[in-house]
Amino acid sequence: MSQAQLAKRANVSRQTISRIERAATDIRIEVVERIASALGVTVADLFASTGAKRVNDRELARRAATPRRDYVDARDLLLAVDEAAGRSVGLPEVDL
């Protein structure tokens, strides 16, 4: 699916999809929900690693109560979208 197609289905701009793919912006959870819907997956599916167990409801509630709960880290979303699409952006390793 192209950026333009995903943007249209998720009702966001193509530029927004581009910024998400480049991890150049944080994103509101509402946009994450629309992107997940456009891809035909759940939000949890976007963030579940291959082979990872699902997060339980208590863990989801704990995470939802953290500061900035309305936002998702752009890099995490980028990796999740690419994983859901079956591709890898090949981000370089960074020593912190």
Protein backbone atom coordinates (compact mmCIF):
# COMPACT_ATOMS: atom_id res chain seq x y z
CA MET A 1 0.00 0.00 0.00
CA SER A 2 1.37 3.42 -0.89
CA GLN A 3 1.64 6.37 1.47
CA ALA A 4 -1.13 8.10 -0.45
CA GLN A 5 -3.44 5.08 -0.19
CA LEU A 6 -2.80 4.66 3.54
CA ALA A 7 -3.24 8.39 4.13
CA LYS A 8 -6.57 8.39 2.31
CA ARG A 9 -7.84 5.33 4.19
CA ALA A 10 -6.70 6.75 7.56
CA ASN A 11 -7.96 10.26 6.76
CA VAL A 12 -4.58 11.92 7.30
CA SER A 13 -2.24 13.66 4.91
CA ARG A 14 0.42 11.82 2.95
CA GLN A 15 2.93 14.12 4.62
CA THR A 16 1.78 12.85 8.02
CA ILE A 17 2.39 9.25 6.91
CA SER A 18 5.81 10.29 5.62
CA ARG A 19 6.72 11.95 8.93
CA ILE A 20 5.57 8.84 10.82
CA GLU A 21 7.66 6.59 8.57
CA ARG A 22 10.70 8.79 9.18
CA ALA A 23 10.01 8.87 12.94
CA ALA A 24 9.97 12.66 12.62
CA THR A 25 6.86 13.29 14.69
CA ASP A 26 4.88 12.00 17.62
CA ILE A 27 1.35 10.93 16.85
CA ARG A 28 -1.96 11.08 18.69
CA ILE A 29 -3.54 7.77 19.61
CA GLU A 30 -6.58 8.64 17.49
CA VAL A 31 -4.38 8.69 14.39
CA VAL A 32 -2.79 5.37 15.40
CA GLU A 33 -6.30 3.90 15.65
CA ARG A 34 -7.21 5.17 12.17
CA ILE A 35 -3.98 3.80 10.69
CA ALA A 36 -4.57 0.42 12.32
CA SER A 37 -8.11 0.37 10.94
CA ALA A 38 -6.84 1.33 7.48
CA LEU A 39 -4.36 -1.55 7.62
CA GLY A 40 -7.04 -3.96 8.85
CA VAL A 41 -5.29 -4.68 12.15
CA THR A 42 -5.73 -3.68 15.78
CA VAL A 43 -3.57 -1.10 17.53
CA ALA A 44 -2.20 -3.94 19.66
CA ASP A 45 -1.22 -5.77 16.47
CA LEU A 46 0.79 -2.74 15.37
CA PHE A 47 2.86 -2.86 18.54
CA ALA A 48 3.08 -6.61 19.09
CA SER A 49 6.44 -8.11 18.24
CA THR A 50 6.54 -11.31 16.28
CA GLY A 51 6.25 -14.12 18.80
CA ALA A 52 5.52 -11.75 21.68
CA LYS A 53 2.69 -12.51 24.05
CA ARG A 54 -0.24 -10.11 24.18
CA VAL A 55 -0.26 -7.44 26.87
CA ASN A 56 -2.92 -8.07 29.49
CA ASP A 57 -5.62 -5.55 30.41
CA ARG A 58 -3.88 -4.44 33.61
CA GLU A 59 -0.72 -3.71 31.68
CA LEU A 60 -2.69 -1.73 29.09
CA ALA A 61 -4.36 0.26 31.87
CA ARG A 62 -0.98 0.95 33.51
CA ARG A 63 0.44 2.18 30.22
CA ALA A 64 -2.63 4.30 29.54
CA ALA A 65 -2.17 6.05 32.90
CA THR A 66 1.36 7.20 32.11
CA PRO A 67 2.06 10.84 31.21
CA ARG A 68 1.69 11.62 27.51
CA ARG A 69 -0.84 8.81 27.14
CA ASP A 70 -2.32 10.63 24.15
CA TYR A 71 0.89 10.20 22.17
CA VAL A 72 2.90 7.34 20.74
CA ASP A 73 6.61 7.55 20.06
CA ALA A 74 7.06 8.01 16.32
CA ARG A 75 9.97 5.55 16.10
CA ASP A 76 7.94 2.81 17.82
CA LEU A 77 5.05 3.44 15.44
CA LEU A 78 7.34 3.38 12.42
CA LEU A 79 8.77 0.02 13.42
CA ALA A 80 5.30 -1.36 14.19
CA VAL A 81 3.82 -0.22 10.87
CA ASP A 82 6.76 -1.62 8.94
CA GLU A 83 6.52 -4.92 10.80
CA ALA A 84 2.78 -5.12 10.09
CA ALA A 85 3.49 -4.40 6.42
CA GLY A 86 6.14 -7.13 6.34
CA ARG A 87 9.07 -4.86 5.61
CA SER A 88 11.99 -3.39 7.49
CA VAL A 89 13.28 0.16 7.35
CA GLY A 90 16.68 -1.01 8.49
CA LEU A 91 17.24 1.75 11.01
CA PRO A 92 20.87 2.03 12.10
CA GLU A 93 21.93 0.96 15.58
CA VAL A 94 22.60 3.91 17.85
CA ASP A 95 24.70 3.83 21.02
CA LEU A 96 23.00 5.85 23.75
